[in-house]
Amino acid sequence: AFLRNFIFGVEDSLVSTVGLLSGIAVADVDRSVIIVTGVVLIFVEAFSMSVGSYLSEHSAETYIKSQGEEHSEHSLGAAVIMFFSYFVSGFIPLLPYAIKAIPLATAFWASIALSIISLFVLGVIGARMTKENPWKSALRMGIVGGIAIALGVAVGQLIG
C-alpha cells in the first residue's frame, strides 16, 4: 500500500499539476493566476487523493477481513503517504512560475522539463524498489507522463 500510494501520489501530482499549469500558461494569463491556480490544485488534490486512498484502502481491508483472511490495516498510513507525496511533488512544476526572474515562456518549458525529469527519476526509484529494469521503468513513466502533459497544453491552446 505504501509503495503504491507513493508512486501514484508523485506521478499524479507531477502530471496533473504540470498539465494544468501548462494549459493555463498557454492561455496567456497573468503569472499570479498561474501560481494561485497551482497552489489551490496542490492543496485540494493532495487532500482529495489522500481521502480517496484512505477510503479505498479501508474498503479493501474491510473486504479482506470479511472473507476471514488476516490482514494488517495500513489505510491511514497509505493516506498520509499519498498526501505528502502529492503535496511535495506538486511544487516541482510550480517552482519555475514562482521565480519572478524567469520569463513566463521559460517557466513554461522549465516546468515541463522538471516534471519529465522527475517522472524519469520516479521510474528509476520504483524500479529499484521492485527490481525492475530502471531504464524501462523510467521510459514508461516519462512517456505516459509526457502524453498527459501534452494533453494539458493542447486543451489550453484550444480553449485559450
Foldseek 3Di string as FASTA:
>chain_A
DLLVLLLCLLLCLLLVLLLQLLLQLLLPDDLVVSLVVLLVCLQVVLQVSLVVQLVVQVVVVVVCVVVVHDDDRCSNVSSVSNSVSNNVNNCQLVVLSPPPVRDSVRSSVNSLVSSLVVQLVSQQVSCVVVVHPSNVSSVVSSVVSVVSSVVSNVNSNVVD
